[in-house]
């Protein structure tokens, strides 16, 4: 119902204006999550306008919603009506210079979408300008954890706090790529992604394995590498000095217990022989 109302309102604005200037190609603006961004809208005829009305709409999923509205006369810059928002602002002091940009603070993932600026000046000219806002957030530095299943290594690459969805690649740091077992990306309550990617590998001892996470909007790649030979040594009984020492100590204790048992039996046998000889002498 709300989208129908604003659709009819826009049609009324266009039909009531004597001429219109419509910039068809939407300007693309990129903003980082939680930063401040300005959506541009320039209306040159505001400089000599007796009065004007400025409307900012946002279209998403086929629904148009009013973001901010401003009306002014030649002698007043006080807005007659303004949509309540803690994060959107217009700058009345710059409007006489034709600057009708919309300022959005603390950008959220939900702010992404198509915005439209409508300016009705002296009931003669309407300017319609589209701006596409794209929101991005960098992913944290990836972390690799390794679990060993016999000769096979189960590797997990994790990262968080990024937007939009990332692409993940496993490789050896050069030109050899490995097949990914699965990749799971889930949005948290802020709309940012939590990422986990898994891979199975049965490598040689000196295999280098890297995980790269790419953000297509930021054109950034975060890479972290690990050497499986180090993990293999730490995971192997035969190659860990600490485990070798424990094993050697256990063997020594076992040998000592055997030796003590043998000595005890030998001592008991000698005592029995002595007692037998004494009984023979008495008889």
C-alpha atoms as a PDB file:
ATOM      1  CA  UNK A   1       0.000   0.000   0.000  1.00  0.00           C
ATOM      2  CA  UNK A   2       2.844   2.353   0.881  1.00  0.00           C
ATOM      3  CA  UNK A   3       4.708   1.617  -2.369  1.00  0.00           C
ATOM      4  CA  UNK A   4       1.504   2.300  -4.372  1.00  0.00           C
ATOM      5  CA  UNK A   5       1.101   5.658  -2.635  1.00  0.00           C
ATOM      6  CA  UNK A   6       4.632   6.801  -3.407  1.00  0.00           C
ATOM      7  CA  UNK A   7       4.360   5.513  -6.960  1.00  0.00           C
ATOM      8  CA  UNK A   8       1.274   7.670  -7.518  1.00  0.00           C
ATOM      9  CA  UNK A   9       3.025  10.569  -5.829  1.00  0.00           C
ATOM     10  CA  UNK A  10       5.972  10.338  -8.217  1.00  0.00           C
ATOM     11  CA  UNK A  11       3.616  10.217 -11.208  1.00  0.00           C
ATOM     12  CA  UNK A  12       1.929  13.351  -9.899  1.00  0.00           C
ATOM     13  CA  UNK A  13       5.285  15.117  -9.581  1.00  0.00           C
ATOM     14  CA  UNK A  14       6.213  14.278 -13.154  1.00  0.00           C
ATOM     15  CA  UNK A  15       2.817  15.230 -14.587  1.00  0.00           C
ATOM     16  CA  UNK A  16       2.698  18.517 -12.656  1.00  0.00           C
ATOM     17  CA  UNK A  17       6.070  19.690 -13.936  1.00  0.00           C
ATOM     18  CA  UNK A  18       6.273  21.559 -17.230  1.00  0.00           C
ATOM     19  CA  UNK A  19       9.613  20.014 -18.150  1.00  0.00           C
ATOM     20  CA  UNK A  20      11.796  17.276 -16.789  1.00  0.00           C
ATOM     21  CA  UNK A  21      15.462  16.416 -16.830  1.00  0.00           C
ATOM     22  CA  UNK A  22      16.004  12.701 -16.239  1.00  0.00           C
ATOM     23  CA  UNK A  23      19.477  11.259 -15.951  1.00  0.00           C
ATOM     24  CA  UNK A  24      18.885   7.629 -16.921  1.00  0.00           C
ATOM     25  CA  UNK A  25      22.268   6.157 -16.062  1.00  0.00           C
ATOM     26  CA  UNK A  26      22.508   5.622 -12.345  1.00  0.00           C
ATOM     27  CA  UNK A  27      25.716   6.720 -10.699  1.00  0.00           C
ATOM     28  CA  UNK A  28      27.345   3.982  -8.623  1.00  0.00           C
ATOM     29  CA  UNK A  29      28.625   4.916  -5.200  1.00  0.00           C
ATOM     30  CA  UNK A  30      30.545   2.530  -2.944  1.00  0.00           C
ATOM     31  CA  UNK A  31      30.553   2.911   0.817  1.00  0.00           C
ATOM     32  CA  UNK A  32      32.315   1.032   3.591  1.00  0.00           C
ATOM     33  CA  UNK A  33      30.251  -0.427   6.388  1.00  0.00           C
ATOM     34  CA  UNK A  34      29.769   1.981   9.336  1.00  0.00           C
ATOM     35  CA  UNK A  35      31.277   4.897   7.383  1.00  0.00           C
ATOM     36  CA  UNK A  36      29.615   8.088   6.073  1.00  0.00           C
ATOM     37  CA  UNK A  37      28.651   8.442   2.424  1.00  0.00           C
ATOM     38  CA  UNK A  38      27.182  11.241   0.312  1.00  0.00           C
ATOM     39  CA  UNK A  39      24.771  10.414  -2.530  1.00  0.00           C
ATOM     40  CA  UNK A  40      25.171  13.130  -5.180  1.00  0.00           C
ATOM     41  CA  UNK A  41      22.293  15.113  -6.658  1.00  0.00           C
ATOM     42  CA  UNK A  42      22.915  18.405  -8.470  1.00  0.00           C
ATOM     43  CA  UNK A  43      20.042  20.756  -9.392  1.00  0.00           C
ATOM     44  CA  UNK A  44      21.458  23.858 -11.116  1.00  0.00           C
ATOM     45  CA  UNK A  45      18.123  25.724 -11.225  1.00  0.00           C
ATOM     46  CA  UNK A  46      18.023  25.986  -7.429  1.00  0.00           C
ATOM     47  CA  UNK A  47      20.209  29.093  -7.555  1.00  0.00           C
ATOM     48  CA  UNK A  48      17.384  31.305  -8.846  1.00  0.00           C
ATOM     49  CA  UNK A  49      14.440  29.313  -7.511  1.00  0.00           C
ATOM     50  CA  UNK A  50      11.627  31.088  -5.686  1.00  0.00           C
ATOM     51  CA  UNK A  51      10.685  27.813  -4.109  1.00  0.00           C
ATOM     52  CA  UNK A  52      11.531  24.172  -4.554  1.00  0.00           C
ATOM     53  CA  UNK A  53      10.759  20.734  -3.178  1.00  0.00           C
ATOM     54  CA  UNK A  54      13.350  17.993  -2.808  1.00  0.00           C
ATOM     55  CA  UNK A  55      12.512  14.299  -2.293  1.00  0.00           C
ATOM     56  CA  UNK A  56      14.821  11.349  -1.810  1.00  0.00           C
ATOM     57  CA  UNK A  57      13.404   7.847  -2.357  1.00  0.00           C
ATOM     58  CA  UNK A  58      14.910   4.426  -1.967  1.00  0.00           C
ATOM     59  CA  UNK A  59      13.827   1.502  -4.147  1.00  0.00           C
ATOM     60  CA  UNK A  60      14.494  -2.046  -3.038  1.00  0.00           C
ATOM     61  CA  UNK A  61      12.729  -5.277  -3.980  1.00  0.00           C
ATOM     62  CA  UNK A  62      10.151  -3.328  -5.974  1.00  0.00           C
ATOM     63  CA  UNK A  63       9.223  -1.078  -3.041  1.00  0.00           C
ATOM     64  CA  UNK A  64       9.801   2.707  -2.968  1.00  0.00           C
ATOM     65  CA  UNK A  65      10.143   4.404   0.398  1.00  0.00           C
ATOM     66  CA  UNK A  66      10.616   8.063   1.233  1.00  0.00           C
ATOM     67  CA  UNK A  67      14.015   8.653   2.837  1.00  0.00           C
ATOM     68  CA  UNK A  68      14.087  12.424   3.214  1.00  0.00           C
ATOM     69  CA  UNK A  69      12.101  15.458   2.001  1.00  0.00           C
ATOM     70  CA  UNK A  70      12.817  19.187   2.036  1.00  0.00           C
ATOM     71  CA  UNK A  71      10.782  22.189   0.929  1.00  0.00           C
ATOM     72  CA  UNK A  72      11.923  25.776   0.851  1.00  0.00           C
ATOM     73  CA  UNK A  73      10.928  29.270  -0.311  1.00  0.00           C
ATOM     74  CA  UNK A  74      13.154  32.119  -1.357  1.00  0.00           C
ATOM     75  CA  UNK A  75      13.274  33.528   2.162  1.00  0.00           C
ATOM     76  CA  UNK A  76      13.155  30.380   4.252  1.00  0.00           C
ATOM     77  CA  UNK A  77      15.393  27.342   4.471  1.00  0.00           C
ATOM     78  CA  UNK A  78      13.498  25.651   7.257  1.00  0.00           C
ATOM     79  CA  UNK A  79      12.198  22.263   6.128  1.00  0.00           C
ATOM     80  CA  UNK A  80       8.424  22.018   6.136  1.00  0.00           C
ATOM     81  CA  UNK A  81       8.505  18.244   6.410  1.00  0.00           C
ATOM     82  CA  UNK A  82      11.338  15.845   6.999  1.00  0.00           C
ATOM     83  CA  UNK A  83      11.230  12.104   7.429  1.00  0.00           C
ATOM     84  CA  UNK A  84      12.609  11.246  10.899  1.00  0.00           C
ATOM     85  CA  UNK A  85      15.998   9.572  10.608  1.00  0.00           C
ATOM     86  CA  UNK A  86      19.056   9.527  12.785  1.00  0.00           C
ATOM     87  CA  UNK A  87      21.375   8.670   9.910  1.00  0.00           C
ATOM     88  CA  UNK A  88      20.219  10.692   6.853  1.00  0.00           C
ATOM     89  CA  UNK A  89      20.849  14.402   6.412  1.00  0.00           C
ATOM     90  CA  UNK A  90      20.398  17.130   3.830  1.00  0.00           C
ATOM     91  CA  UNK A  91      22.487  20.312   3.803  1.00  0.00           C
ATOM     92  CA  UNK A  92      20.212  23.373   3.344  1.00  0.00           C
ATOM     93  CA  UNK A  93      23.182  25.788   3.238  1.00  0.00           C
ATOM     94  CA  UNK A  94      24.471  24.184   0.047  1.00  0.00           C
ATOM     95  CA  UNK A  95      21.140  23.842  -1.717  1.00  0.00           C
ATOM     96  CA  UNK A  96      21.263  27.347  -3.169  1.00  0.00           C
ATOM     97  CA  UNK A  97      24.426  26.222  -4.967  1.00  0.00           C
ATOM     98  CA  UNK A  98      22.486  23.311  -6.447  1.00  0.00           C
ATOM     99  CA  UNK A  99      23.876  20.689  -4.043  1.00  0.00           C
ATOM    100  CA  UNK A 100      20.983  18.418  -3.034  1.00  0.00           C
ATOM    101  CA  UNK A 101      23.112  15.474  -1.946  1.00  0.00           C
ATOM    102  CA  UNK A 102      21.890  13.031   0.690  1.00  0.00           C
ATOM    103  CA  UNK A 103      24.277  12.224   3.505  1.00  0.00           C
ATOM    104  CA  UNK A 104      24.030   8.811   5.211  1.00  0.00           C
ATOM    105  CA  UNK A 105      25.939   8.184   8.416  1.00  0.00           C
ATOM    106  CA  UNK A 106      27.001   4.822   9.856  1.00  0.00           C
ATOM    107  CA  UNK A 107      26.174   2.962   6.650  1.00  0.00           C
ATOM    108  CA  UNK A 108      24.563  -0.447   7.131  1.00  0.00           C
ATOM    109  CA  UNK A 109      24.273  -3.426   4.791  1.00  0.00           C
ATOM    110  CA  UNK A 110      20.520  -2.789   4.641  1.00  0.00           C
ATOM    111  CA  UNK A 111      21.173   0.688   3.183  1.00  0.00           C
ATOM    112  CA  UNK A 112      22.338  -0.757  -0.138  1.00  0.00           C
ATOM    113  CA  UNK A 113      20.032  -0.219  -3.105  1.00  0.00           C
ATOM    114  CA  UNK A 114      18.794   2.290  -5.659  1.00  0.00           C
ATOM    115  CA  UNK A 115      18.139   5.850  -4.514  1.00  0.00           C
ATOM    116  CA  UNK A 116      16.325   8.521  -6.526  1.00  0.00           C
ATOM    117  CA  UNK A 117      16.504  12.276  -6.108  1.00  0.00           C
ATOM    118  CA  UNK A 118      13.444  14.310  -7.207  1.00  0.00           C
ATOM    119  CA  UNK A 119      13.656  18.111  -7.379  1.00  0.00           C
ATOM    120  CA  UNK A 120      10.607  20.209  -8.292  1.00  0.00           C
ATOM    121  CA  UNK A 121      11.611  23.832  -8.885  1.00  0.00           C
ATOM    122  CA  UNK A 122       9.057  26.664  -9.389  1.00  0.00           C
ATOM    123  CA  UNK A 123       6.680  24.022 -10.735  1.00  0.00           C
ATOM    124  CA  UNK A 124       8.628  24.186 -13.988  1.00  0.00           C
ATOM    125  CA  UNK A 125      11.526  21.750 -13.899  1.00  0.00           C
ATOM    126  CA  UNK A 126      11.915  18.386 -12.275  1.00  0.00           C
ATOM    127  CA  UNK A 127      15.268  16.688 -11.980  1.00  0.00           C
ATOM    128  CA  UNK A 128      15.289  12.914 -11.553  1.00  0.00           C
ATOM    129  CA  UNK A 129      18.665  11.447 -10.684  1.00  0.00           C
ATOM    130  CA  UNK A 130      19.341   7.803  -9.734  1.00  0.00           C
ATOM    131  CA  UNK A 131      22.175   6.696  -7.474  1.00  0.00           C
ATOM    132  CA  UNK A 132      23.074   3.055  -6.804  1.00  0.00           C
ATOM    133  CA  UNK A 133      24.603   2.593  -3.348  1.00  0.00           C
ATOM    134  CA  UNK A 134      26.846  -0.454  -2.898  1.00  0.00           C
ATOM    135  CA  UNK A 135      27.964  -1.381   0.611  1.00  0.00           C
ATOM    136  CA  UNK A 136      31.098  -3.391   1.324  1.00  0.00           C
ATOM    137  CA  UNK A 137      33.075  -4.489   4.369  1.00  0.00           C
ATOM    138  CA  UNK A 138      36.569  -6.027   4.495  1.00  0.00           C
ATOM    139  CA  UNK A 139      36.957  -9.584   5.783  1.00  0.00           C
ATOM    140  CA  UNK A 140      39.162 -10.289   8.771  1.00  0.00           C
ATOM    141  CA  UNK A 141      42.519 -11.973   8.288  1.00  0.00           C
ATOM    142  CA  UNK A 142      41.851 -15.661   7.510  1.00  0.00           C
ATOM    143  CA  UNK A 143      42.790 -18.338  10.023  1.00  0.00           C
ATOM    144  CA  UNK A 144      43.740 -21.916   9.113  1.00  0.00           C
ATOM    145  CA  UNK A 145      43.239 -24.800  11.535  1.00  0.00           C
ATOM    146  CA  UNK A 146      44.339 -28.354  10.768  1.00  0.00           C
ATOM    147  CA  UNK A 147      43.111 -31.723  12.049  1.00  0.00           C
ATOM    148  CA  UNK A 148      44.717 -35.023  11.122  1.00  0.00           C
ATOM    149  CA  UNK A 149      42.715 -38.086  10.142  1.00  0.00           C
ATOM    150  CA  UNK A 150      45.401 -40.712   9.654  1.00  0.00           C
ATOM    151  CA  UNK A 151      47.432 -39.689   6.612  1.00  0.00           C
ATOM    152  CA  UNK A 152      44.745 -37.180   5.554  1.00  0.00           C
ATOM    153  CA  UNK A 153      44.602 -33.579   6.752  1.00  0.00           C
ATOM    154  CA  UNK A 154      41.268 -31.803   7.301  1.00  0.00           C
ATOM    155  CA  UNK A 155      41.860 -28.071   6.902  1.00  0.00           C
ATOM    156  CA  UNK A 156      39.509 -25.240   7.838  1.00  0.00           C
ATOM    157  CA  UNK A 157      39.813 -21.608   6.737  1.00  0.00           C
ATOM    158  CA  UNK A 158      37.676 -19.096   8.657  1.00  0.00           C
ATOM    159  CA  UNK A 159      37.052 -15.343   8.445  1.00  0.00           C
ATOM    160  CA  UNK A 160      34.308 -12.927   9.497  1.00  0.00           C
ATOM    161  CA  UNK A 161      32.906  -9.388   9.276  1.00  0.00           C
ATOM    162  CA  UNK A 162      32.891  -9.087   5.480  1.00  0.00           C
ATOM    163  CA  UNK A 163      30.379  -8.089   2.806  1.00  0.00           C
ATOM    164  CA  UNK A 164      29.292  -9.107   0.199  1.00  0.00           C
ATOM    165  CA  UNK A 165      29.828 -12.875  -0.113  1.00  0.00           C
ATOM    166  CA  UNK A 166      33.449 -13.761  -0.758  1.00  0.00           C
ATOM    167  CA  UNK A 167      35.096 -16.292  -3.025  1.00  0.00           C
ATOM    168  CA  UNK A 168      37.532 -18.777  -1.424  1.00  0.00           C
ATOM    169  CA  UNK A 169      40.440 -20.577  -3.068  1.00  0.00           C
ATOM    170  CA  UNK A 170      42.874 -23.160  -1.672  1.00  0.00           C
ATOM    171  CA  UNK A 171      46.308 -23.275  -3.313  1.00  0.00           C
ATOM    172  CA  UNK A 172      49.992 -23.907  -2.696  1.00  0.00           C
ATOM    173  CA  UNK A 173      51.034 -20.257  -2.964  1.00  0.00           C
ATOM    174  CA  UNK A 174      52.087 -20.680  -6.585  1.00  0.00           C
ATOM    175  CA  UNK A 175      49.939 -22.063  -9.402  1.00  0.00           C
ATOM    176  CA  UNK A 176      48.514 -25.293  -8.036  1.00  0.00           C
ATOM    177  CA  UNK A 177      44.927 -25.089  -6.768  1.00  0.00           C
ATOM    178  CA  UNK A 178      43.205 -27.634  -4.541  1.00  0.00           C
ATOM    179  CA  UNK A 179      39.580 -28.758  -4.619  1.00  0.00           C
ATOM    180  CA  UNK A 180      37.416 -27.267  -1.874  1.00  0.00           C
ATOM    181  CA  UNK A 181      35.344 -29.697   0.167  1.00  0.00           C
ATOM    182  CA  UNK A 182      32.689 -27.105   1.079  1.00  0.00           C
ATOM    183  CA  UNK A 183      32.298 -23.406   1.870  1.00  0.00           C
ATOM    184  CA  UNK A 184      29.667 -22.018   4.245  1.00  0.00           C
ATOM    185  CA  UNK A 185      28.792 -18.311   4.451  1.00  0.00           C
ATOM    186  CA  UNK A 186      26.167 -17.101   6.943  1.00  0.00           C
ATOM    187  CA  UNK A 187      25.006 -13.544   7.660  1.00  0.00           C
ATOM    188  CA  UNK A 188      24.964 -12.355  11.254  1.00  0.00           C
ATOM    189  CA  UNK A 189      22.442  -9.921  12.753  1.00  0.00           C
ATOM    190  CA  UNK A 190      24.342  -6.974  11.211  1.00  0.00           C
ATOM    191  CA  UNK A 191      24.168  -8.492   7.735  1.00  0.00           C
ATOM    192  CA  UNK A 192      27.903  -9.229   7.631  1.00  0.00           C
ATOM    193  CA  UNK A 193      29.149 -12.675   6.627  1.00  0.00           C
ATOM    194  CA  UNK A 194      30.802 -15.356   8.759  1.00  0.00           C
ATOM    195  CA  UNK A 195      32.817 -17.690   6.496  1.00  0.00           C
ATOM    196  CA  UNK A 196      34.187 -21.221   6.822  1.00  0.00           C
ATOM    197  CA  UNK A 197      35.782 -23.302   4.080  1.00  0.00           C
ATOM    198  CA  UNK A 198      37.022 -26.908   4.401  1.00  0.00           C
ATOM    199  CA  UNK A 199      39.444 -29.016   2.369  1.00  0.00           C
ATOM    200  CA  UNK A 200      40.845 -32.563   2.563  1.00  0.00           C
ATOM    201  CA  UNK A 201      44.437 -33.148   1.517  1.00  0.00           C
ATOM    202  CA  UNK A 202      46.990 -35.979   1.669  1.00  0.00           C
ATOM    203  CA  UNK A 203      50.178 -34.038   1.022  1.00  0.00           C
ATOM    204  CA  UNK A 204      53.917 -34.720   1.000  1.00  0.00           C
ATOM    205  CA  UNK A 205      55.768 -33.645   4.132  1.00  0.00           C
ATOM    206  CA  UNK A 206      56.841 -30.232   2.828  1.00  0.00           C
ATOM    207  CA  UNK A 207      53.520 -29.097   1.330  1.00  0.00           C
ATOM    208  CA  UNK A 208      52.645 -25.382   1.553  1.00  0.00           C
ATOM    209  CA  UNK A 209      48.887 -24.701   1.706  1.00  0.00           C
ATOM    210  CA  UNK A 210      47.276 -21.252   1.403  1.00  0.00           C
ATOM    211  CA  UNK A 211      43.717 -19.943   1.759  1.00  0.00           C
ATOM    212  CA  UNK A 212      42.725 -16.792  -0.169  1.00  0.00           C
ATOM    213  CA  UNK A 213      39.509 -14.817   0.431  1.00  0.00           C
ATOM    214  CA  UNK A 214      38.480 -12.336  -2.281  1.00  0.00           C
ATOM    215  CA  UNK A 215      36.079  -9.384  -1.931  1.00  0.00           C
ATOM    216  CA  UNK A 216      34.821  -8.445  -5.391  1.00  0.00           C
ATOM    217  CA  UNK A 217      33.625  -4.932  -4.447  1.00  0.00           C
ATOM    218  CA  UNK A 218      36.804  -3.930  -2.623  1.00  0.00           C
ATOM    219  CA  UNK A 219      38.985  -5.772  -5.158  1.00  0.00           C
ATOM    220  CA  UNK A 220      40.941  -7.152  -2.215  1.00  0.00           C
ATOM    221  CA  UNK A 221      42.458 -10.569  -1.510  1.00  0.00           C
ATOM    222  CA  UNK A 222      43.424 -11.769   1.968  1.00  0.00           C
ATOM    223  CA  UNK A 223      45.777 -14.758   1.998  1.00  0.00           C
ATOM    224  CA  UNK A 224      47.230 -16.865   4.785  1.00  0.00           C
ATOM    225  CA  UNK A 225      49.531 -19.882   4.391  1.00  0.00           C
ATOM    226  CA  UNK A 226      50.739 -22.763   6.541  1.00  0.00           C
ATOM    227  CA  UNK A 227      53.300 -25.512   6.065  1.00  0.00           C
ATOM    228  CA  UNK A 228      51.926 -28.986   6.629  1.00  0.00           C
ATOM    229  CA  UNK A 229      55.311 -30.511   7.388  1.00  0.00           C
ATOM    230  CA  UNK A 230      55.473 -28.544  10.651  1.00  0.00           C
ATOM    231  CA  UNK A 231      52.008 -29.688  11.612  1.00  0.00           C
ATOM    232  CA  UNK A 232      52.905 -33.248  10.619  1.00  0.00           C
ATOM    233  CA  UNK A 233      55.870 -33.249  12.973  1.00  0.00           C
ATOM    234  CA  UNK A 234      53.798 -31.864  15.791  1.00  0.00           C
ATOM    235  CA  UNK A 235      51.166 -34.502  15.147  1.00  0.00           C
ATOM    236  CA  UNK A 236      53.508 -37.478  14.918  1.00  0.00           C
ATOM    237  CA  UNK A 237      54.703 -39.589  17.909  1.00  0.00           C
ATOM    238  CA  UNK A 238      57.897 -40.496  16.152  1.00  0.00           C
ATOM    239  CA  UNK A 239      59.018 -36.936  15.378  1.00  0.00           C
ATOM    240  CA  UNK A 240      58.044 -34.966  18.482  1.00  0.00           C
ATOM    241  CA  UNK A 241      60.958 -34.670  21.019  1.00  0.00           C
ATOM    242  CA  UNK A 242      58.603 -34.378  23.989  1.00  0.00           C
ATOM    243  CA  UNK A 243      56.659 -37.478  23.020  1.00  0.00           C
ATOM    244  CA  UNK A 244      59.909 -39.304  22.311  1.00  0.00           C
ATOM    245  CA  UNK A 245      61.132 -38.444  25.814  1.00  0.00           C
ATOM    246  CA  UNK A 246      57.911 -39.643  27.427  1.00  0.00           C
ATOM    247  CA  UNK A 247      58.050 -42.882  25.440  1.00  0.00           C
ATOM    248  CA  UNK A 248      61.694 -43.433  26.393  1.00  0.00           C
ATOM    249  CA  UNK A 249      60.899 -42.816  30.069  1.00  0.00           C
ATOM    250  CA  UNK A 250      58.043 -45.313  29.969  1.00  0.00           C
ATOM    251  CA  UNK A 251      60.341 -47.921  28.435  1.00  0.00           C
ATOM    252  CA  UNK A 252      62.990 -47.286  31.106  1.00  0.00           C
ATOM    253  CA  UNK A 253      60.417 -47.623  33.917  1.00  0.00           C
ATOM    254  CA  UNK A 254      59.143 -50.844  32.353  1.00  0.00           C
ATOM    255  CA  UNK A 255      62.656 -52.274  32.110  1.00  0.00           C
ATOM    256  CA  UNK A 256      63.429 -51.293  35.712  1.00  0.00           C
ATOM    257  CA  UNK A 257      60.236 -52.986  36.939  1.00  0.00           C
ATOM    258  CA  UNK A 258      61.169 -56.126  35.000  1.00  0.00           C
ATOM    259  CA  UNK A 259      64.661 -56.051  36.469  1.00  0.00           C
ATOM    260  CA  UNK A 260      63.322 -55.608  39.994  1.00  0.00           C
ATOM    261  CA  UNK A 261      60.883 -58.480  39.471  1.00  0.00           C
ATOM    262  CA  UNK A 262      63.653 -60.697  38.192  1.00  0.00           C
ATOM    263  CA  UNK A 263      65.894 -59.790  41.160  1.00  0.00           C
ATOM    264  CA  UNK A 264      63.059 -60.443  43.591  1.00  0.00           C
ATOM    265  CA  UNK A 265      62.431 -63.869  42.119  1.00  0.00           C
ATOM    266  CA  UNK A 266      66.151 -64.648  42.091  1.00  0.00           C
ATOM    267  CA  UNK A 267      66.491 -63.578  45.751  1.00  0.00           C
ATOM    268  CA  UNK A 268      63.498 -65.696  46.763  1.00  0.00           C
ATOM    269  CA  UNK A 269      65.018 -68.686  44.927  1.00  0.00           C
ATOM    270  CA  UNK A 270      68.378 -68.313  46.740  1.00  0.00           C
ATOM    271  CA  UNK A 271      66.592 -68.007  50.113  1.00  0.00           C
ATOM    272  CA  UNK A 272      64.704 -71.234  49.387  1.00  0.00           C
ATOM    273  CA  UNK A 273      67.932 -73.058  48.482  1.00  0.00           C
ATOM    274  CA  UNK A 274      69.647 -71.899  51.702  1.00  0.00           C
ATOM    275  CA  UNK A 275      66.721 -73.015  53.870  1.00  0.00           C
ATOM    276  CA  UNK A 276      66.736 -76.444  52.191  1.00  0.00           C
ATOM    277  CA  UNK A 277      70.464 -76.900  52.861  1.00  0.00           C
ATOM    278  CA  UNK A 278      70.047 -75.942  56.513  1.00  0.00           C
ATOM    279  CA  UNK A 279      67.231 -78.479  56.942  1.00  0.00           C
ATOM    280  CA  UNK A 280      69.409 -81.169  55.360  1.00  0.00           C
ATOM    281  CA  UNK A 281      72.289 -80.432  57.760  1.00  0.00           C
ATOM    282  CA  UNK A 282      69.973 -80.579  60.804  1.00  0.00           C
ATOM    283  CA  UNK A 283      68.629 -83.921  59.757  1.00  0.00           C
END
